[in-house]
Amino acid sequence: MEIWIIWIMIIIALAFIEAITVNLVTIWFIVSALLSLAISFFHVPFIWQFGVFVLVGILLMFTTRPILKKWIKPKDIKTNSDRVIGMNGIVTEEISKNAIGEVKVDGKRWSAISSKKIAIGEEIIVDEIDGVKLKVHKREEK
């Protein structure tokens, strides 16, 4: 079997792995395998072809992967829940300093925490979202 056929099989296998994983690891070795394929047509010994494959693949991975990772960084998926930050609400279950209470904000009930005790019926303002709980404070303080 010709060596160039082996390089084509390696390229196809690496492309398949990259398509399945999408981790940007084998893409660099696909490029180095293409280079090794090209030099195989000049009857360079296989050991040199393999050396080019390994060294160029590693060099490309360590030099360009961090740059490409920043460039194709996935965007944060925004949910509409962050829109309640800054909204007013009302306490439906008492909030103690170390216990979770409940508030109604924008027509929905939320678990809520606060650094101070807040009684039922008091108005609150949402400071932030911590997981599935709202961090709130009394409306007249801050």
C-alpha atoms as a PDB file:
ATOM      1  CA  MET A   1       0.000   0.000   0.000  1.00  0.00           C
ATOM      2  CA  GLU A   2       1.253   3.448  -0.879  1.00  0.00           C
ATOM      3  CA  ILE A   3       2.137   5.752   2.019  1.00  0.00           C
ATOM      4  CA  TRP A   4      -0.001   8.590   0.659  1.00  0.00           C
ATOM      5  CA  ILE A   5      -3.084   6.361   0.996  1.00  0.00           C
ATOM      6  CA  ILE A   6      -2.250   5.880   4.673  1.00  0.00           C
ATOM      7  CA  TRP A   7      -2.056   9.657   5.135  1.00  0.00           C
ATOM      8  CA  ILE A   8      -5.462  10.089   3.468  1.00  0.00           C
ATOM      9  CA  MET A   9      -6.949   7.468   5.790  1.00  0.00           C
ATOM     10  CA  ILE A  10      -5.403   9.264   8.790  1.00  0.00           C
ATOM     11  CA  ILE A  11      -6.837  12.596   7.593  1.00  0.00           C
ATOM     12  CA  ILE A  12     -10.315  11.090   7.186  1.00  0.00           C
ATOM     13  CA  ALA A  13     -10.152   9.421  10.622  1.00  0.00           C
ATOM     14  CA  LEU A  14      -8.992  12.637  12.310  1.00  0.00           C
ATOM     15  CA  ALA A  15     -11.672  14.681  10.533  1.00  0.00           C
ATOM     16  CA  PHE A  16     -14.304  12.202  11.724  1.00  0.00           C
ATOM     17  CA  ILE A  17     -13.027  12.432  15.310  1.00  0.00           C
ATOM     18  CA  GLU A  18     -13.006  16.254  15.147  1.00  0.00           C
ATOM     19  CA  ALA A  19     -16.557  16.290  13.791  1.00  0.00           C
ATOM     20  CA  ILE A  20     -17.751  14.100  16.645  1.00  0.00           C
ATOM     21  CA  THR A  21     -15.904  15.818  19.509  1.00  0.00           C
ATOM     22  CA  VAL A  22     -15.609  19.462  18.375  1.00  0.00           C
ATOM     23  CA  ASN A  23     -12.816  20.025  20.917  1.00  0.00           C
ATOM     24  CA  LEU A  24     -10.290  21.540  18.510  1.00  0.00           C
ATOM     25  CA  VAL A  25      -7.663  18.892  19.139  1.00  0.00           C
ATOM     26  CA  THR A  26      -7.437  16.775  16.012  1.00  0.00           C
ATOM     27  CA  ILE A  27      -7.842  19.734  13.625  1.00  0.00           C
ATOM     28  CA  TRP A  28      -4.156  20.610  14.108  1.00  0.00           C
ATOM     29  CA  PHE A  29      -3.133  17.072  13.289  1.00  0.00           C
ATOM     30  CA  ILE A  30      -5.296  17.138  10.175  1.00  0.00           C
ATOM     31  CA  VAL A  31      -3.228  20.089   8.980  1.00  0.00           C
ATOM     32  CA  SER A  32       0.018  18.317   9.856  1.00  0.00           C
ATOM     33  CA  ALA A  33      -1.217  15.134   8.133  1.00  0.00           C
ATOM     34  CA  LEU A  34      -1.924  17.181   4.995  1.00  0.00           C
ATOM     35  CA  LEU A  35       1.650  18.462   5.140  1.00  0.00           C
ATOM     36  CA  SER A  36       2.941  14.919   5.620  1.00  0.00           C
ATOM     37  CA  LEU A  37       0.790  13.805   2.684  1.00  0.00           C
ATOM     38  CA  ALA A  38       2.362  16.502   0.524  1.00  0.00           C
ATOM     39  CA  ILE A  39       5.925  15.530   1.425  1.00  0.00           C
ATOM     40  CA  SER A  40       5.140  11.836   0.877  1.00  0.00           C
ATOM     41  CA  PHE A  41       4.937  12.579  -2.862  1.00  0.00           C
ATOM     42  CA  PHE A  42       8.626  13.583  -2.793  1.00  0.00           C
ATOM     43  CA  HIS A  43       9.624  10.101  -1.544  1.00  0.00           C
ATOM     44  CA  VAL A  44      10.741  11.396   1.856  1.00  0.00           C
ATOM     45  CA  PRO A  45      11.265   8.485   4.288  1.00  0.00           C
ATOM     46  CA  PHE A  46       8.216   7.641   6.413  1.00  0.00           C
ATOM     47  CA  ILE A  47      10.034   8.377   9.671  1.00  0.00           C
ATOM     48  CA  TRP A  48      10.528  11.996   8.510  1.00  0.00           C
ATOM     49  CA  GLN A  49       6.904  12.218   7.410  1.00  0.00           C
ATOM     50  CA  PHE A  50       5.767  10.952  10.786  1.00  0.00           C
ATOM     51  CA  GLY A  51       8.109  13.401  12.561  1.00  0.00           C
ATOM     52  CA  VAL A  52       6.628  16.298  10.579  1.00  0.00           C
ATOM     53  CA  PHE A  53       3.130  15.033  11.413  1.00  0.00           C
ATOM     54  CA  VAL A  54       3.793  14.927  15.169  1.00  0.00           C
ATOM     55  CA  LEU A  55       5.921  18.066  15.526  1.00  0.00           C
ATOM     56  CA  VAL A  56       3.813  20.318  13.303  1.00  0.00           C
ATOM     57  CA  GLY A  57       0.591  19.066  14.919  1.00  0.00           C
ATOM     58  CA  ILE A  58       1.860  19.770  18.437  1.00  0.00           C
ATOM     59  CA  LEU A  59       3.348  23.116  17.425  1.00  0.00           C
ATOM     60  CA  LEU A  60       0.092  24.232  15.791  1.00  0.00           C
ATOM     61  CA  MET A  61      -1.988  23.043  18.719  1.00  0.00           C
ATOM     62  CA  PHE A  62       0.021  24.922  21.339  1.00  0.00           C
ATOM     63  CA  THR A  63       0.491  28.122  19.322  1.00  0.00           C
ATOM     64  CA  THR A  64      -2.895  28.652  17.689  1.00  0.00           C
ATOM     65  CA  ARG A  65      -5.427  26.791  19.868  1.00  0.00           C
ATOM     66  CA  PRO A  66      -5.640  29.493  22.607  1.00  0.00           C
ATOM     67  CA  ILE A  67      -6.213  32.181  19.976  1.00  0.00           C
ATOM     68  CA  LEU A  68      -8.886  30.176  18.183  1.00  0.00           C
ATOM     69  CA  LYS A  69     -10.597  29.233  21.467  1.00  0.00           C
ATOM     70  CA  LYS A  70     -11.015  32.942  22.288  1.00  0.00           C
ATOM     71  CA  TRP A  71     -12.276  33.692  18.795  1.00  0.00           C
ATOM     72  CA  ILE A  72     -14.956  30.985  18.751  1.00  0.00           C
ATOM     73  CA  LYS A  73     -15.885  31.212  22.436  1.00  0.00           C
ATOM     74  CA  PRO A  74     -19.542  30.282  22.863  1.00  0.00           C
ATOM     75  CA  LYS A  75     -21.778  33.160  23.768  1.00  0.00           C
ATOM     76  CA  ASP A  76     -23.487  33.214  27.156  1.00  0.00           C
ATOM     77  CA  ILE A  77     -27.100  32.275  26.741  1.00  0.00           C
ATOM     78  CA  LYS A  78     -29.239  34.914  28.346  1.00  0.00           C
ATOM     79  CA  THR A  79     -32.490  33.949  29.943  1.00  0.00           C
ATOM     80  CA  ASN A  80     -35.251  36.378  30.696  1.00  0.00           C
ATOM     81  CA  SER A  81     -34.900  35.765  34.420  1.00  0.00           C
ATOM     82  CA  ASP A  82     -32.147  38.390  34.721  1.00  0.00           C
ATOM     83  CA  ARG A  83     -34.667  41.078  33.830  1.00  0.00           C
ATOM     84  CA  VAL A  84     -36.132  40.915  37.361  1.00  0.00           C
ATOM     85  CA  ILE A  85     -32.964  42.507  38.753  1.00  0.00           C
ATOM     86  CA  GLY A  86     -33.935  45.951  40.001  1.00  0.00           C
ATOM     87  CA  MET A  87     -37.659  45.158  40.033  1.00  0.00           C
ATOM     88  CA  ASN A  88     -39.895  45.658  43.029  1.00  0.00           C
ATOM     89  CA  GLY A  89     -41.715  42.786  44.673  1.00  0.00           C
ATOM     90  CA  ILE A  90     -43.525  41.763  47.823  1.00  0.00           C
ATOM     91  CA  VAL A  91     -42.592  39.201  50.457  1.00  0.00           C
ATOM     92  CA  THR A  92     -45.010  36.255  50.583  1.00  0.00           C
ATOM     93  CA  GLU A  93     -43.059  34.150  53.120  1.00  0.00           C
ATOM     94  CA  GLU A  94     -40.855  35.754  55.758  1.00  0.00           C
ATOM     95  CA  ILE A  95     -37.177  36.014  54.907  1.00  0.00           C
ATOM     96  CA  SER A  96     -34.810  35.510  57.835  1.00  0.00           C
ATOM     97  CA  LYS A  97     -31.110  36.259  57.874  1.00  0.00           C
ATOM     98  CA  ASN A  98     -30.117  32.589  57.494  1.00  0.00           C
ATOM     99  CA  ALA A  99     -33.324  31.175  56.013  1.00  0.00           C
ATOM    100  CA  ILE A 100     -34.883  31.238  52.595  1.00  0.00           C
ATOM    101  CA  GLY A 101     -38.191  33.024  52.183  1.00  0.00           C
ATOM    102  CA  GLU A 102     -40.417  33.718  49.223  1.00  0.00           C
ATOM    103  CA  VAL A 103     -41.191  36.835  47.202  1.00  0.00           C
ATOM    104  CA  LYS A 104     -43.502  37.636  44.347  1.00  0.00           C
ATOM    105  CA  VAL A 105     -41.820  39.594  41.552  1.00  0.00           C
ATOM    106  CA  ASP A 106     -43.292  40.249  38.116  1.00  0.00           C
ATOM    107  CA  GLY A 107     -46.233  37.973  38.904  1.00  0.00           C
ATOM    108  CA  LYS A 108     -44.027  34.975  39.733  1.00  0.00           C
ATOM    109  CA  ARG A 109     -43.007  33.467  43.060  1.00  0.00           C
ATOM    110  CA  TRP A 110     -39.288  33.170  43.787  1.00  0.00           C
ATOM    111  CA  SER A 111     -37.219  31.809  46.637  1.00  0.00           C
ATOM    112  CA  ALA A 112     -35.376  34.718  48.176  1.00  0.00           C
ATOM    113  CA  ILE A 113     -32.582  35.484  50.627  1.00  0.00           C
ATOM    114  CA  SER A 114     -31.562  38.671  52.367  1.00  0.00           C
ATOM    115  CA  SER A 115     -28.907  39.866  54.790  1.00  0.00           C
ATOM    116  CA  LYS A 116     -31.685  41.107  57.107  1.00  0.00           C
ATOM    117  CA  LYS A 117     -35.057  39.840  58.251  1.00  0.00           C
ATOM    118  CA  ILE A 118     -37.972  40.934  56.047  1.00  0.00           C
ATOM    119  CA  ALA A 119     -41.570  40.335  57.122  1.00  0.00           C
ATOM    120  CA  ILE A 120     -44.517  39.185  55.025  1.00  0.00           C
ATOM    121  CA  GLY A 121     -46.121  41.996  53.041  1.00  0.00           C
ATOM    122  CA  GLU A 122     -43.039  44.242  52.947  1.00  0.00           C
ATOM    123  CA  GLU A 123     -41.834  45.549  49.599  1.00  0.00           C
ATOM    124  CA  ILE A 124     -38.444  44.474  48.322  1.00  0.00           C
ATOM    125  CA  ILE A 125     -36.068  45.271  45.476  1.00  0.00           C
ATOM    126  CA  VAL A 126     -34.190  42.491  43.687  1.00  0.00           C
ATOM    127  CA  ASP A 127     -30.400  42.923  43.862  1.00  0.00           C
ATOM    128  CA  GLU A 128     -29.235  39.835  41.991  1.00  0.00           C
ATOM    129  CA  ILE A 129     -29.975  36.239  41.107  1.00  0.00           C
ATOM    130  CA  ASP A 130     -28.025  33.505  42.892  1.00  0.00           C
ATOM    131  CA  GLY A 131     -28.848  30.202  41.215  1.00  0.00           C
ATOM    132  CA  VAL A 132     -32.625  29.914  41.566  1.00  0.00           C
ATOM    133  CA  LYS A 133     -32.869  32.369  44.470  1.00  0.00           C
ATOM    134  CA  LEU A 134     -33.180  36.119  44.426  1.00  0.00           C
ATOM    135  CA  LYS A 135     -31.016  38.267  46.673  1.00  0.00           C
ATOM    136  CA  VAL A 136     -33.242  41.093  47.862  1.00  0.00           C
ATOM    137  CA  HIS A 137     -33.372  44.041  50.269  1.00  0.00           C
ATOM    138  CA  LYS A 138     -36.181  46.072  51.803  1.00  0.00           C
ATOM    139  CA  ARG A 139     -37.365  48.797  49.505  1.00  0.00           C
ATOM    140  CA  GLU A 140     -36.611  51.682  51.885  1.00  0.00           C
ATOM    141  CA  GLU A 141     -33.074  50.557  52.738  1.00  0.00           C
ATOM    142  CA  LYS A 142     -29.752  49.919  50.979  1.00  0.00           C
END
